PDB file of N, CA and C in Angstrom:
ATOM      1  N   MET A   1     148.205 140.499  61.460  1.00  0.00           N
ATOM      2  CA  MET A   1     147.557 140.966  62.661  1.00  0.00           C
ATOM      3  C   MET A   1     147.891 142.428  62.859  1.00  0.00           C
ATOM      4  N   LYS A   2     147.047 143.095  63.629  1.00  0.00           N
ATOM      5  CA  LYS A   2     147.213 144.523  63.859  1.00  0.00           C
ATOM      6  C   LYS A   2     147.735 144.757  65.274  1.00  0.00           C
ATOM      7  N   ALA A   3     148.552 145.780  65.388  1.00  0.00           N
ATOM      8  CA  ALA A   3     149.101 146.126  66.700  1.00  0.00           C
ATOM      9  C   ALA A   3     149.072 147.631  66.865  1.00  0.00           C
ATOM     10  N   ARG A   4     148.922 148.038  68.096  1.00  0.00           N
ATOM     11  CA  ARG A   4     148.984 149.457  68.449  1.00  0.00           C
ATOM     12  C   ARG A   4     150.030 149.597  69.547  1.00  0.00           C
ATOM     13  N   VAL A   5     150.931 150.558  69.355  1.00  0.00           N
ATOM     14  CA  VAL A   5     151.944 150.874  70.355  1.00  0.00           C
ATOM     15  C   VAL A   5     151.626 152.269  70.879  1.00  0.00           C
ATOM     16  N   ILE A   6     151.487 152.381  72.188  1.00  0.00           N
ATOM     17  CA  ILE A   6     151.202 153.655  72.832  1.00  0.00           C
ATOM     18  C   ILE A   6     152.443 154.053  73.625  1.00  0.00           C
ATOM     19  N   VAL A   7     152.995 155.203  73.283  1.00  0.00           N
ATOM     20  CA  VAL A   7     154.224 155.687  73.911  1.00  0.00           C
ATOM     21  C   VAL A   7     153.889 156.939  74.728  1.00  0.00           C
ATOM     22  N   THR A   8     154.262 156.921  76.001  1.00  0.00           N
ATOM     23  CA  THR A   8     154.017 158.062  76.880  1.00  0.00           C
ATOM     24  C   THR A   8     155.283 158.385  77.662  1.00  0.00           C
ATOM     25  N   LEU A   9     155.364 159.622  78.109  1.00  0.00           N
ATOM     26  CA  LEU A   9     156.503 160.017  78.933  1.00  0.00           C
ATOM     27  C   LEU A   9     156.396 159.360  80.308  1.00  0.00           C
ATOM     28  N   LYS A  10     157.534 158.995  80.859  1.00  0.00           N
ATOM     29  CA  LYS A  10     157.555 158.433  82.201  1.00  0.00           C
ATOM     30  C   LYS A  10     157.152 159.494  83.213  1.00  0.00           C
ATOM     31  N   ASN A  11     156.605 159.043  84.340  1.00  0.00           N
ATOM     32  CA  ASN A  11     156.275 159.963  85.422  1.00  0.00           C
ATOM     33  C   ASN A  11     157.540 160.686  85.856  1.00  0.00           C
ATOM     34  N   GLY A  12     157.405 161.961  86.130  1.00  0.00           N
ATOM     35  CA  GLY A  12     158.544 162.753  86.566  1.00  0.00           C
ATOM     36  C   GLY A  12     159.276 163.447  85.433  1.00  0.00           C
ATOM     37  N   VAL A  13     159.009 163.047  84.189  1.00  0.00           N
ATOM     38  CA  VAL A  13     159.635 163.706  83.041  1.00  0.00           C
ATOM     39  C   VAL A  13     158.767 164.906  82.668  1.00  0.00           C
ATOM     40  N   LEU A  14     159.376 166.074  82.562  1.00  0.00           N
ATOM     41  CA  LEU A  14     158.635 167.278  82.209  1.00  0.00           C
ATOM     42  C   LEU A  14     158.004 167.124  80.831  1.00  0.00           C
ATOM     43  N   ASP A  15     156.780 167.646  80.695  1.00  0.00           N
ATOM     44  CA  ASP A  15     156.039 167.535  79.440  1.00  0.00           C
ATOM     45  C   ASP A  15     155.581 168.927  79.005  1.00  0.00           C
ATOM     46  N   PRO A  16     156.470 169.717  78.380  1.00  0.00           N
ATOM     47  CA  PRO A  16     156.095 171.061  77.986  1.00  0.00           C
ATOM     48  C   PRO A  16     154.946 171.087  76.974  1.00  0.00           C
ATOM     49  N   GLN A  17     154.885 170.103  76.096  1.00  0.00           N
ATOM     50  CA  GLN A  17     153.787 170.071  75.129  1.00  0.00           C
ATOM     51  C   GLN A  17     152.460 169.823  75.846  1.00  0.00           C
ATOM     52  N   GLY A  18     152.451 168.933  76.812  1.00  0.00           N
ATOM     53  CA  GLY A  18     151.248 168.688  77.601  1.00  0.00           C
ATOM     54  C   GLY A  18     150.821 169.937  78.358  1.00  0.00           C
ATOM     55  N   GLN A  19     151.794 170.673  78.895  1.00  0.00           N
ATOM     56  CA  GLN A  19     151.481 171.917  79.603  1.00  0.00           C
ATOM     57  C   GLN A  19     150.901 172.959  78.653  1.00  0.00           C
ATOM     58  N   ALA A  20     151.430 173.031  77.424  1.00  0.00           N
ATOM     59  CA  ALA A  20     150.912 173.968  76.440  1.00  0.00           C
ATOM     60  C   ALA A  20     149.479 173.606  76.049  1.00  0.00           C
ATOM     61  N   ILE A  21     149.207 172.325  75.895  1.00  0.00           N
ATOM     62  CA  ILE A  21     147.853 171.873  75.571  1.00  0.00           C
ATOM     63  C   ILE A  21     146.900 172.224  76.712  1.00  0.00           C
ATOM     64  N   GLU A  22     147.354 171.971  77.933  1.00  0.00           N
ATOM     65  CA  GLU A  22     146.540 172.299  79.115  1.00  0.00           C
ATOM     66  C   GLU A  22     146.197 173.789  79.148  1.00  0.00           C
ATOM     67  N   GLY A  23     147.186 174.644  78.886  1.00  0.00           N
ATOM     68  CA  GLY A  23     146.947 176.085  78.851  1.00  0.00           C
ATOM     69  C   GLY A  23     145.992 176.478  77.738  1.00  0.00           C
ATOM     70  N   SER A  24     146.136 175.852  76.588  1.00  0.00           N
ATOM     71  CA  SER A  24     145.249 176.157  75.459  1.00  0.00           C
ATOM     72  C   SER A  24     143.822 175.728  75.743  1.00  0.00           C
ATOM     73  N   LEU A  25     143.659 174.583  76.374  1.00  0.00           N
ATOM     74  CA  LEU A  25     142.312 174.128  76.736  1.00  0.00           C
ATOM     75  C   LEU A  25     141.644 175.111  77.694  1.00  0.00           C
ATOM     76  N   ALA A  26     142.418 175.588  78.673  1.00  0.00           N
ATOM     77  CA  ALA A  26     141.883 176.581  79.614  1.00  0.00           C
ATOM     78  C   ALA A  26     141.502 177.851  78.865  1.00  0.00           C
ATOM     79  N   GLY A  27     142.340 178.261  77.913  1.00  0.00           N
ATOM     80  CA  GLY A  27     142.066 179.454  77.129  1.00  0.00           C
ATOM     81  C   GLY A  27     140.824 179.328  76.261  1.00  0.00           C
ATOM     82  N   LEU A  28     140.485 178.095  75.907  1.00  0.00           N
ATOM     83  CA  LEU A  28     139.288 177.837  75.099  1.00  0.00           C
ATOM     84  C   LEU A  28     138.040 177.657  75.959  1.00  0.00           C
ATOM     85  N   GLY A  29     138.215 177.801  77.275  1.00  0.00           N
ATOM     86  CA  GLY A  29     137.065 177.727  78.168  1.00  0.00           C
ATOM     87  C   GLY A  29     136.799 176.367  78.772  1.00  0.00           C
ATOM     88  N   PHE A  30     137.702 175.421  78.598  1.00  0.00           N
ATOM     89  CA  PHE A  30     137.539 174.093  79.201  1.00  0.00           C
ATOM     90  C   PHE A  30     138.143 174.118  80.606  1.00  0.00           C
ATOM     91  N   ALA A  31     137.308 174.383  81.583  1.00  0.00           N
ATOM     92  CA  ALA A  31     137.771 174.500  82.961  1.00  0.00           C
ATOM     93  C   ALA A  31     137.907 173.117  83.593  1.00  0.00           C
ATOM     94  N   GLY A  32     138.746 173.033  84.603  1.00  0.00           N
ATOM     95  CA  GLY A  32     138.867 171.799  85.371  1.00  0.00           C
ATOM     96  C   GLY A  32     139.746 170.740  84.736  1.00  0.00           C
ATOM     97  N   VAL A  33     140.499 171.086  83.709  1.00  0.00           N
ATOM     98  CA  VAL A  33     141.414 170.124  83.078  1.00  0.00           C
ATOM     99  C   VAL A  33     142.804 170.365  83.645  1.00  0.00           C
ATOM    100  N   ALA A  34     143.423 169.317  84.161  1.00  0.00           N
ATOM    101  CA  ALA A  34     144.755 169.456  84.740  1.00  0.00           C
ATOM    102  C   ALA A  34     145.569 168.201  84.474  1.00  0.00           C
ATOM    103  N   GLY A  35     146.854 168.339  84.546  1.00  0.00           N
ATOM    104  CA  GLY A  35     147.743 167.186  84.410  1.00  0.00           C
ATOM    105  C   GLY A  35     147.757 166.583  83.025  1.00  0.00           C
ATOM    106  N   VAL A  36     147.672 167.407  81.988  1.00  0.00           N
ATOM    107  CA  VAL A  36     147.661 166.900  80.609  1.00  0.00           C
ATOM    108  C   VAL A  36     149.043 166.371  80.260  1.00  0.00           C
ATOM    109  N   ARG A  37     149.084 165.165  79.737  1.00  0.00           N
ATOM    110  CA  ARG A  37     150.320 164.543  79.255  1.00  0.00           C
ATOM    111  C   ARG A  37     150.075 164.117  77.811  1.00  0.00           C
ATOM    112  N   GLN A  38     151.016 164.363  76.944  1.00  0.00           N
ATOM    113  CA  GLN A  38     150.871 163.979  75.549  1.00  0.00           C
ATOM    114  C   GLN A  38     151.682 162.719  75.284  1.00  0.00           C
ATOM    115  N   GLY A  39     151.353 162.045  74.203  1.00  0.00           N
ATOM    116  CA  GLY A  39     152.070 160.831  73.835  1.00  0.00           C
ATOM    117  C   GLY A  39     151.975 160.587  72.346  1.00  0.00           C
ATOM    118  N   LYS A  40     152.363 159.386  71.944  1.00  0.00           N
ATOM    119  CA  LYS A  40     152.346 159.003  70.528  1.00  0.00           C
ATOM    120  C   LYS A  40     151.651 157.654  70.407  1.00  0.00           C
ATOM    121  N   VAL A  41     151.008 157.443  69.261  1.00  0.00           N
ATOM    122  CA  VAL A  41     150.385 156.156  68.959  1.00  0.00           C
ATOM    123  C   VAL A  41     150.889 155.699  67.599  1.00  0.00           C
ATOM    124  N   PHE A  42     151.314 154.438  67.528  1.00  0.00           N
ATOM    125  CA  PHE A  42     151.736 153.830  66.269  1.00  0.00           C
ATOM    126  C   PHE A  42     150.823 152.648  65.992  1.00  0.00           C
ATOM    127  N   ASP A  43     150.185 152.626  64.829  1.00  0.00           N
ATOM    128  CA  ASP A  43     149.387 151.478  64.404  1.00  0.00           C
ATOM    129  C   ASP A  43     150.197 150.715  63.370  1.00  0.00           C
ATOM    130  N   LEU A  44     150.380 149.434  63.631  1.00  0.00           N
ATOM    131  CA  LEU A  44     151.209 148.580  62.773  1.00  0.00           C
ATOM    132  C   LEU A  44     150.409 147.381  62.277  1.00  0.00           C
ATOM    133  N   GLU A  45     150.731 146.902  61.093  1.00  0.00           N
ATOM    134  CA  GLU A  45     150.230 145.612  60.617  1.00  0.00           C
ATOM    135  C   GLU A  45     151.427 144.686  60.519  1.00  0.00           C
ATOM    136  N   VAL A  46     151.348 143.563  61.225  1.00  0.00           N
ATOM    137  CA  VAL A  46     152.455 142.613  61.298  1.00  0.00           C
ATOM    138  C   VAL A  46     152.002 141.299  60.685  1.00  0.00           C
ATOM    139  N   SER A  47     152.804 140.749  59.789  1.00  0.00           N
ATOM    140  CA  SER A  47     152.434 139.479  59.162  1.00  0.00           C
ATOM    141  C   SER A  47     152.635 138.324  60.140  1.00  0.00           C
ATOM    142  N   GLY A  48     151.926 137.256  59.901  1.00  0.00           N
ATOM    143  CA  GLY A  48     152.027 136.066  60.747  1.00  0.00           C
ATOM    144  C   GLY A  48     150.829 135.943  61.671  1.00  0.00           C
ATOM    145  N   THR A  49     150.774 134.805  62.365  1.00  0.00           N
ATOM    146  CA  THR A  49     149.654 134.537  63.262  1.00  0.00           C
ATOM    147  C   THR A  49     150.095 134.260  64.693  1.00  0.00           C
ATOM    148  N   ASP A  50     151.390 134.225  64.935  1.00  0.00           N
ATOM    149  CA  ASP A  50     151.913 133.950  66.274  1.00  0.00           C
ATOM    150  C   ASP A  50     151.979 135.254  67.070  1.00  0.00           C
ATOM    151  N   GLU A  51     151.050 135.415  68.015  1.00  0.00           N
ATOM    152  CA  GLU A  51     150.962 136.661  68.772  1.00  0.00           C
ATOM    153  C   GLU A  51     152.208 136.921  69.603  1.00  0.00           C
ATOM    154  N   GLU A  52     152.760 135.890  70.211  1.00  0.00           N
ATOM    155  CA  GLU A  52     153.955 136.079  71.041  1.00  0.00           C
ATOM    156  C   GLU A  52     155.161 136.496  70.201  1.00  0.00           C
ATOM    157  N   ALA A  53     155.291 135.916  69.009  1.00  0.00           N
ATOM    158  CA  ALA A  53     156.389 136.309  68.116  1.00  0.00           C
ATOM    159  C   ALA A  53     156.212 137.755  67.673  1.00  0.00           C
ATOM    160  N   ALA A  54     154.971 138.138  67.366  1.00  0.00           N
ATOM    161  CA  ALA A  54     154.691 139.517  66.964  1.00  0.00           C
ATOM    162  C   ALA A  54     154.999 140.467  68.113  1.00  0.00           C
ATOM    163  N   ARG A  55     154.573 140.105  69.320  1.00  0.00           N
ATOM    164  CA  ARG A  55     154.820 140.959  70.487  1.00  0.00           C
ATOM    165  C   ARG A  55     156.322 141.134  70.714  1.00  0.00           C
ATOM    166  N   SER A  56     157.072 140.067  70.551  1.00  0.00           N
ATOM    167  CA  SER A  56     158.525 140.130  70.729  1.00  0.00           C
ATOM    168  C   SER A  56     159.155 141.041  69.674  1.00  0.00           C
ATOM    169  N   GLN A  57     158.703 140.914  68.433  1.00  0.00           N
ATOM    170  CA  GLN A  57     159.232 141.735  67.353  1.00  0.00           C
ATOM    171  C   GLN A  57     158.894 143.215  67.587  1.00  0.00           C
ATOM    172  N   ILE A  58     157.669 143.491  68.004  1.00  0.00           N
ATOM    173  CA  ILE A  58     157.251 144.873  68.240  1.00  0.00           C
ATOM    174  C   ILE A  58     157.993 145.456  69.438  1.00  0.00           C
ATOM    175  N   LYS A  59     158.233 144.638  70.458  1.00  0.00           N
ATOM    176  CA  LYS A  59     159.006 145.102  71.608  1.00  0.00           C
ATOM    177  C   LYS A  59     160.395 145.540  71.159  1.00  0.00           C
ATOM    178  N   GLU A  60     161.000 144.757  70.273  1.00  0.00           N
ATOM    179  CA  GLU A  60     162.322 145.109  69.753  1.00  0.00           C
ATOM    180  C   GLU A  60     162.261 146.422  68.963  1.00  0.00           C
ATOM    181  N   MET A  61     161.179 146.608  68.190  1.00  0.00           N
ATOM    182  CA  MET A  61     160.997 147.864  67.446  1.00  0.00           C
ATOM    183  C   MET A  61     160.934 149.046  68.410  1.00  0.00           C
ATOM    184  N   CYS A  62     160.202 148.861  69.504  1.00  0.00           N
ATOM    185  CA  CYS A  62     160.074 149.925  70.500  1.00  0.00           C
ATOM    186  C   CYS A  62     161.415 150.260  71.119  1.00  0.00           C
ATOM    187  N   GLU A  63     162.155 149.229  71.486  1.00  0.00           N
ATOM    188  CA  GLU A  63     163.446 149.426  72.142  1.00  0.00           C
ATOM    189  C   GLU A  63     164.458 150.095  71.215  1.00  0.00           C
ATOM    190  N   LYS A  64     164.360 149.826  69.909  1.00  0.00           N
ATOM    191  CA  LYS A  64     165.345 150.345  68.962  1.00  0.00           C
ATOM    192  C   LYS A  64     164.943 151.657  68.296  1.00  0.00           C
ATOM    193  N   LEU A  65     163.619 151.914  68.155  1.00  0.00           N
ATOM    194  CA  LEU A  65     163.230 153.069  67.371  1.00  0.00           C
ATOM    195  C   LEU A  65     162.009 153.833  67.886  1.00  0.00           C
ATOM    196  N   LEU A  66     160.944 153.142  68.199  1.00  0.00           N
ATOM    197  CA  LEU A  66     159.673 153.810  68.439  1.00  0.00           C
ATOM    198  C   LEU A  66     159.617 154.585  69.755  1.00  0.00           C
ATOM    199  N   ALA A  67     160.366 154.153  70.750  1.00  0.00           N
ATOM    200  CA  ALA A  67     160.336 154.809  72.058  1.00  0.00           C
ATOM    201  C   ALA A  67     161.751 155.090  72.544  1.00  0.00           C
ATOM    202  N   ASN A  68     161.909 156.215  73.204  1.00  0.00           N
ATOM    203  CA  ASN A  68     163.161 156.520  73.891  1.00  0.00           C
ATOM    204  C   ASN A  68     162.978 155.993  75.310  1.00  0.00           C
ATOM    205  N   THR A  69     163.447 154.787  75.561  1.00  0.00           N
ATOM    206  CA  THR A  69     163.151 154.109  76.824  1.00  0.00           C
ATOM    207  C   THR A  69     163.794 154.766  78.044  1.00  0.00           C
ATOM    208  N   VAL A  70     164.645 155.740  77.839  1.00  0.00           N
ATOM    209  CA  VAL A  70     165.207 156.479  78.972  1.00  0.00           C
ATOM    210  C   VAL A  70     164.125 157.361  79.593  1.00  0.00           C
ATOM    211  N   ILE A  71     163.281 157.964  78.743  1.00  0.00           N
ATOM    212  CA  ILE A  71     162.274 158.903  79.245  1.00  0.00           C
ATOM    213  C   ILE A  71     160.838 158.502  78.902  1.00  0.00           C
ATOM    214  N   GLU A  72     160.661 157.411  78.138  1.00  0.00           N
ATOM    215  CA  GLU A  72     159.313 157.035  77.706  1.00  0.00           C
ATOM    216  C   GLU A  72     158.991 155.590  78.083  1.00  0.00           C
ATOM    217  N   ASN A  73     157.710 155.355  78.355  1.00  0.00           N
ATOM    218  CA  ASN A  73     157.158 154.015  78.514  1.00  0.00           C
ATOM    219  C   ASN A  73     156.386 153.671  77.249  1.00  0.00           C
ATOM    220  N   TYR A  74     156.177 152.389  77.010  1.00  0.00           N
ATOM    221  CA  TYR A  74     155.329 151.992  75.886  1.00  0.00           C
ATOM    222  C   TYR A  74     154.478 150.800  76.278  1.00  0.00           C
ATOM    223  N   ALA A  75     153.330 150.714  75.612  1.00  0.00           N
ATOM    224  CA  ALA A  75     152.417 149.591  75.808  1.00  0.00           C
ATOM    225  C   ALA A  75     152.061 149.048  74.437  1.00  0.00           C
ATOM    226  N   ILE A  76     151.948 147.738  74.345  1.00  0.00           N
ATOM    227  CA  ILE A  76     151.645 147.072  73.080  1.00  0.00           C
ATOM    228  C   ILE A  76     150.285 146.410  73.187  1.00  0.00           C
ATOM    229  N   GLU A  77     149.407 146.707  72.220  1.00  0.00           N
ATOM    230  CA  GLU A  77     148.107 146.053  72.127  1.00  0.00           C
ATOM    231  C   GLU A  77     148.059 145.334  70.788  1.00  0.00           C
ATOM    232  N   ILE A  78     147.685 144.043  70.812  1.00  0.00           N
ATOM    233  CA  ILE A  78     147.632 143.252  69.579  1.00  0.00           C
ATOM    234  C   ILE A  78     146.214 142.711  69.394  1.00  0.00           C
ATOM    235  N   SER A  79     145.727 142.809  68.143  1.00  0.00           N
ATOM    236  CA  SER A  79     144.432 142.215  67.806  1.00  0.00           C
ATOM    237  C   SER A  79     144.599 141.406  66.530  1.00  0.00           C
ATOM    238  N   PRO A  80     143.809 140.344  66.386  1.00  0.00           N
ATOM    239  CA  PRO A  80     143.958 139.479  65.202  1.00  0.00           C
ATOM    240  C   PRO A  80     143.604 140.168  63.897  1.00  0.00           C
TER     241      PRO A  80
END
């Protein structure tokens, strides 16, 4: 089965990369863009057919490696 993990900074955490992107977009003439936040996406292929077991395993991956849970949130999407 396939899974996607989306990692974003928690609200209140400064996002200098997002601010740089926002400034660059304005410089390219894209007006009206504000509050840009950047994140990461991980696409995984997990063996097995038990969605709950896969979700549990991916959650553990996030907690141990994929996300810094002190400053980042993550969301898990699973498809067959």
